[in-house]
Structures are given as C-alpha cells and as structure tokens.
Amino acid sequence: MSYLENIRKHGRNANPFFCMMGIDIVRYEAGTAVLKMQVRPDMHNGVGWLQGGMLVALADEAIALALYSLLKENEGIATISESTSFVKGVREGVIVAEAKIIKKGRRVAFAEAEVFIDNGEKMMLSRTSAAFAVTVKE
C-alpha cells in the first residue's frame, strides 16, 4: 500500500509522527497540503516558547504530503536540502502549515511551506524552502 493510500485509509494513524505530535491532516491535493497541530507545553523550549524544530517538522511533513500527491506510483522522495526562516514565536494555540510544490521535475522537486498561528488572523511564524530528490523504484 502506498503512503497516500495509507493516509486515505487511516488518516493521521498512517504516520506515527503525526500521532505522536497530534498533527491533523486538513487537506492534500494536486501539489498542496495543509496540516495543523495544537501547541502543547511539552513542545516548549526551556524558556517557554514552541521549540523551533516543531515548526520545521510540521512544514516538512506538509511539503512531503503535497509532493506525494504528485508522485507516480513508482516514485519516492528524499530530502536534499531544507531552510527555514523564523518570523515570530508562539507559546500556545493551533499552528497550521500550508505547503505547495513549486516545481516537480523528473529528478528534483522544489517546494515551500509557511506556518501560521490559527487565532482568527493569519500570522506567519516561519517559512521553509526545500528541495527533494525524486527517486524511481525499479
């Protein structure tokens, strides 16, 4: 069963990381994906802010899901590079990652995601750009 088939059948239970972090799948289609996650105190750093890696991880998972929506049956992916700029910190609330694939070639895909706080207004917390190798399974 492919990753997307598993996601369609089991939702977040198809991905152990989604379960551990409490990540919910909002939608994924045609090169885009939206994920959300409740900020919990056990995700804070030592001074009470959401640890930055949580923003990166949510963005990375959204990008991967967006990219999987474009892959052929015999294709897989592996991260080549990823860069995140942090704009604002957060201590609580629901954060949302919106990912889109900029270009998917035969061997490399380029993507970006923005993470926002979902508090009635869209306040950006971080922006991630990534490149993925597109692998072919034989």
C-alpha atoms as a PDB file:
ATOM      1  CA  MET A   1       0.000   0.000   0.000  1.00  0.00           C
ATOM      2  CA  SER A   2       1.407   3.411  -0.941  1.00  0.00           C
ATOM      3  CA  TYR A   3       1.808   6.204   1.602  1.00  0.00           C
ATOM      4  CA  LEU A   4      -1.120   8.165   0.126  1.00  0.00           C
ATOM      5  CA  GLU A   5      -3.350   5.089   0.079  1.00  0.00           C
ATOM      6  CA  ASN A   6      -2.443   4.515   3.719  1.00  0.00           C
ATOM      7  CA  ILE A   7      -3.223   8.182   4.539  1.00  0.00           C
ATOM      8  CA  ARG A   8      -6.582   7.943   2.732  1.00  0.00           C
ATOM      9  CA  LYS A   9      -7.478   4.769   4.618  1.00  0.00           C
ATOM     10  CA  HIS A  10      -6.112   5.545   8.099  1.00  0.00           C
ATOM     11  CA  GLY A  11      -5.719   9.349   8.226  1.00  0.00           C
ATOM     12  CA  ARG A  12      -3.088  10.509  10.672  1.00  0.00           C
ATOM     13  CA  ASN A  13      -2.757   6.970  12.070  1.00  0.00           C
ATOM     14  CA  ALA A  14      -0.812   6.117   8.900  1.00  0.00           C
ATOM     15  CA  ASN A  15       2.080   8.262  10.159  1.00  0.00           C
ATOM     16  CA  PRO A  16       3.433   7.558  13.668  1.00  0.00           C
ATOM     17  CA  PHE A  17       4.961  11.063  13.821  1.00  0.00           C
ATOM     18  CA  PHE A  18       1.521  12.601  13.179  1.00  0.00           C
ATOM     19  CA  CYS A  19       0.150  10.572  16.088  1.00  0.00           C
ATOM     20  CA  MET A  20       2.977  11.494  18.467  1.00  0.00           C
ATOM     21  CA  MET A  21       2.762  15.212  17.651  1.00  0.00           C
ATOM     22  CA  GLY A  22      -1.028  15.424  17.329  1.00  0.00           C
ATOM     23  CA  ILE A  23      -0.843  16.545  13.688  1.00  0.00           C
ATOM     24  CA  ASP A  24      -4.164  16.627  11.839  1.00  0.00           C
ATOM     25  CA  ILE A  25      -4.487  16.432   8.072  1.00  0.00           C
ATOM     26  CA  VAL A  26      -6.674  19.284   6.824  1.00  0.00           C
ATOM     27  CA  ARG A  27      -6.289  18.559   3.102  1.00  0.00           C
ATOM     28  CA  TYR A  28      -3.888  17.490   0.376  1.00  0.00           C
ATOM     29  CA  GLU A  29      -4.371  17.670  -3.382  1.00  0.00           C
ATOM     30  CA  ALA A  30      -2.535  18.401  -6.605  1.00  0.00           C
ATOM     31  CA  GLY A  31       0.719  19.622  -5.109  1.00  0.00           C
ATOM     32  CA  THR A  32      -0.614  21.316  -1.986  1.00  0.00           C
ATOM     33  CA  ALA A  33      -1.183  20.218   1.591  1.00  0.00           C
ATOM     34  CA  VAL A  34      -2.395  21.742   4.843  1.00  0.00           C
ATOM     35  CA  LEU A  35      -1.634  20.274   8.265  1.00  0.00           C
ATOM     36  CA  LYS A  36      -2.427  21.609  11.730  1.00  0.00           C
ATOM     37  CA  MET A  37      -1.159  20.932  15.223  1.00  0.00           C
ATOM     38  CA  GLN A  38      -2.084  22.053  18.730  1.00  0.00           C
ATOM     39  CA  VAL A  39       0.882  23.560  20.590  1.00  0.00           C
ATOM     40  CA  ARG A  40       1.411  21.695  23.871  1.00  0.00           C
ATOM     41  CA  PRO A  41       3.609  22.614  26.869  1.00  0.00           C
ATOM     42  CA  ASP A  42       5.782  19.520  26.271  1.00  0.00           C
ATOM     43  CA  MET A  43       6.754  21.078  22.901  1.00  0.00           C
ATOM     44  CA  HIS A  44       8.209  24.197  24.538  1.00  0.00           C
ATOM     45  CA  ASN A  45      11.878  25.006  24.813  1.00  0.00           C
ATOM     46  CA  GLY A  46      13.492  25.906  28.127  1.00  0.00           C
ATOM     47  CA  VAL A  47      12.167  29.468  28.111  1.00  0.00           C
ATOM     48  CA  GLY A  48       8.549  28.636  27.285  1.00  0.00           C
ATOM     49  CA  TRP A  49       8.374  29.122  23.500  1.00  0.00           C
ATOM     50  CA  LEU A  50       7.412  26.449  20.981  1.00  0.00           C
ATOM     51  CA  GLN A  51      10.715  24.811  20.050  1.00  0.00           C
ATOM     52  CA  GLY A  52      11.614  25.916  16.500  1.00  0.00           C
ATOM     53  CA  GLY A  53      12.129  22.369  15.285  1.00  0.00           C
ATOM     54  CA  MET A  54       8.395  21.793  15.721  1.00  0.00           C
ATOM     55  CA  LEU A  55       7.702  24.469  13.099  1.00  0.00           C
ATOM     56  CA  VAL A  56      10.258  22.893  10.770  1.00  0.00           C
ATOM     57  CA  ALA A  57       8.861  19.391  11.298  1.00  0.00           C
ATOM     58  CA  LEU A  58       5.279  20.487  10.593  1.00  0.00           C
ATOM     59  CA  ALA A  59       6.376  22.327   7.433  1.00  0.00           C
ATOM     60  CA  ASP A  60       8.472  19.346   6.293  1.00  0.00           C
ATOM     61  CA  GLU A  61       5.582  16.918   6.732  1.00  0.00           C
ATOM     62  CA  ALA A  62       3.221  19.244   4.837  1.00  0.00           C
ATOM     63  CA  ILE A  63       5.711  19.567   1.976  1.00  0.00           C
ATOM     64  CA  ALA A  64       6.195  15.802   1.800  1.00  0.00           C
ATOM     65  CA  LEU A  65       2.438  15.184   1.714  1.00  0.00           C
ATOM     66  CA  ALA A  66       1.999  17.821  -1.015  1.00  0.00           C
ATOM     67  CA  LEU A  67       4.765  16.195  -3.030  1.00  0.00           C
ATOM     68  CA  TYR A  68       3.367  12.678  -2.579  1.00  0.00           C
ATOM     69  CA  SER A  69       0.145  13.935  -4.178  1.00  0.00           C
ATOM     70  CA  LEU A  70       2.118  14.471  -7.428  1.00  0.00           C
ATOM     71  CA  LEU A  71       4.264  11.337  -7.495  1.00  0.00           C
ATOM     72  CA  LYS A  72       3.844   8.496  -9.942  1.00  0.00           C
ATOM     73  CA  GLU A  73       3.310   5.040  -8.489  1.00  0.00           C
ATOM     74  CA  ASN A  74       6.982   4.076  -8.879  1.00  0.00           C
ATOM     75  CA  GLU A  75       8.413   7.323  -7.440  1.00  0.00           C
ATOM     76  CA  GLY A  76       9.643   8.157  -3.970  1.00  0.00           C
ATOM     77  CA  ILE A  77      11.324  11.171  -2.373  1.00  0.00           C
ATOM     78  CA  ALA A  78      14.312  12.053  -0.224  1.00  0.00           C
ATOM     79  CA  THR A  79      15.141  15.476   1.200  1.00  0.00           C
ATOM     80  CA  ILE A  80      18.166  17.165  -0.395  1.00  0.00           C
ATOM     81  CA  SER A  81      18.062  20.467   1.470  1.00  0.00           C
ATOM     82  CA  GLU A  82      15.740  22.476   3.651  1.00  0.00           C
ATOM     83  CA  SER A  83      15.989  26.008   5.011  1.00  0.00           C
ATOM     84  CA  THR A  84      13.663  27.711   7.469  1.00  0.00           C
ATOM     85  CA  SER A  85      13.358  31.363   8.423  1.00  0.00           C
ATOM     86  CA  PHE A  86      11.663  32.035  11.756  1.00  0.00           C
ATOM     87  CA  VAL A  87       9.470  35.124  11.845  1.00  0.00           C
ATOM     88  CA  LYS A  88       7.644  35.004  15.174  1.00  0.00           C
ATOM     89  CA  GLY A  89       7.481  32.782  18.230  1.00  0.00           C
ATOM     90  CA  VAL A  90       4.406  31.199  19.749  1.00  0.00           C
ATOM     91  CA  ARG A  91       3.564  29.690  23.145  1.00  0.00           C
ATOM     92  CA  GLU A  92       0.083  28.266  22.611  1.00  0.00           C
ATOM     93  CA  GLY A  93      -2.688  27.760  20.095  1.00  0.00           C
ATOM     94  CA  VAL A  94      -3.115  25.839  16.871  1.00  0.00           C
ATOM     95  CA  ILE A  95      -0.460  26.198  14.191  1.00  0.00           C
ATOM     96  CA  VAL A  96      -1.124  25.493  10.516  1.00  0.00           C
ATOM     97  CA  ALA A  97       1.368  24.571   7.786  1.00  0.00           C
ATOM     98  CA  GLU A  98       0.414  25.343   4.185  1.00  0.00           C
ATOM     99  CA  ALA A  99       2.705  23.714   1.624  1.00  0.00           C
ATOM    100  CA  LYS A 100       2.932  23.934  -2.137  1.00  0.00           C
ATOM    101  CA  ILE A 101       5.154  22.361  -4.719  1.00  0.00           C
ATOM    102  CA  ILE A 102       6.865  24.996  -6.836  1.00  0.00           C
ATOM    103  CA  LYS A 103       8.243  22.597  -9.467  1.00  0.00           C
ATOM    104  CA  LYS A 104       8.446  18.838  -9.715  1.00  0.00           C
ATOM    105  CA  GLY A 105      10.946  17.641 -12.264  1.00  0.00           C
ATOM    106  CA  ARG A 106      11.982  14.106 -13.150  1.00  0.00           C
ATOM    107  CA  ARG A 107      14.785  14.106 -10.564  1.00  0.00           C
ATOM    108  CA  VAL A 108      14.276  17.099  -8.254  1.00  0.00           C
ATOM    109  CA  ALA A 109      11.266  18.860  -6.733  1.00  0.00           C
ATOM    110  CA  PHE A 110      11.219  22.313  -5.157  1.00  0.00           C
ATOM    111  CA  ALA A 111       8.695  23.298  -2.529  1.00  0.00           C
ATOM    112  CA  GLU A 112       7.862  25.778   0.177  1.00  0.00           C
ATOM    113  CA  ALA A 113       5.658  25.954   3.242  1.00  0.00           C
ATOM    114  CA  GLU A 114       4.550  28.662   5.602  1.00  0.00           C
ATOM    115  CA  VAL A 115       3.460  28.028   9.170  1.00  0.00           C
ATOM    116  CA  PHE A 116       0.857  30.307  10.726  1.00  0.00           C
ATOM    117  CA  ILE A 117      -0.843  30.653  14.067  1.00  0.00           C
ATOM    118  CA  ASP A 118      -4.571  29.988  13.710  1.00  0.00           C
ATOM    119  CA  ASN A 119      -6.047  32.642  16.004  1.00  0.00           C
ATOM    120  CA  GLY A 120      -8.575  34.332  13.747  1.00  0.00           C
ATOM    121  CA  GLU A 121      -5.909  36.194  11.801  1.00  0.00           C
ATOM    122  CA  LYS A 122      -3.186  34.654   9.698  1.00  0.00           C
ATOM    123  CA  MET A 123       0.092  35.494  11.462  1.00  0.00           C
ATOM    124  CA  MET A 124       3.140  33.863   9.858  1.00  0.00           C
ATOM    125  CA  LEU A 125       5.548  32.090  12.212  1.00  0.00           C
ATOM    126  CA  SER A 126       8.016  30.574   9.729  1.00  0.00           C
ATOM    127  CA  ARG A 127       8.758  29.943   6.057  1.00  0.00           C
ATOM    128  CA  THR A 128      10.533  26.823   4.798  1.00  0.00           C
ATOM    129  CA  SER A 129      12.021  26.167   1.358  1.00  0.00           C
ATOM    130  CA  ALA A 130      13.072  22.664   0.400  1.00  0.00           C
ATOM    131  CA  ALA A 131      14.476  20.565  -2.419  1.00  0.00           C
ATOM    132  CA  PHE A 132      13.714  16.845  -2.691  1.00  0.00           C
ATOM    133  CA  ALA A 133      15.256  14.162  -4.847  1.00  0.00           C
ATOM    134  CA  VAL A 134      12.635  12.257  -6.813  1.00  0.00           C
ATOM    135  CA  THR A 135      13.654   8.608  -6.761  1.00  0.00           C
ATOM    136  CA  VAL A 136      12.458   5.836  -9.041  1.00  0.00           C
ATOM    137  CA  LYS A 137      11.706   2.400  -7.637  1.00  0.00           C
ATOM    138  CA  GLU A 138      12.519  -0.390 -10.031  1.00  0.00           C
END
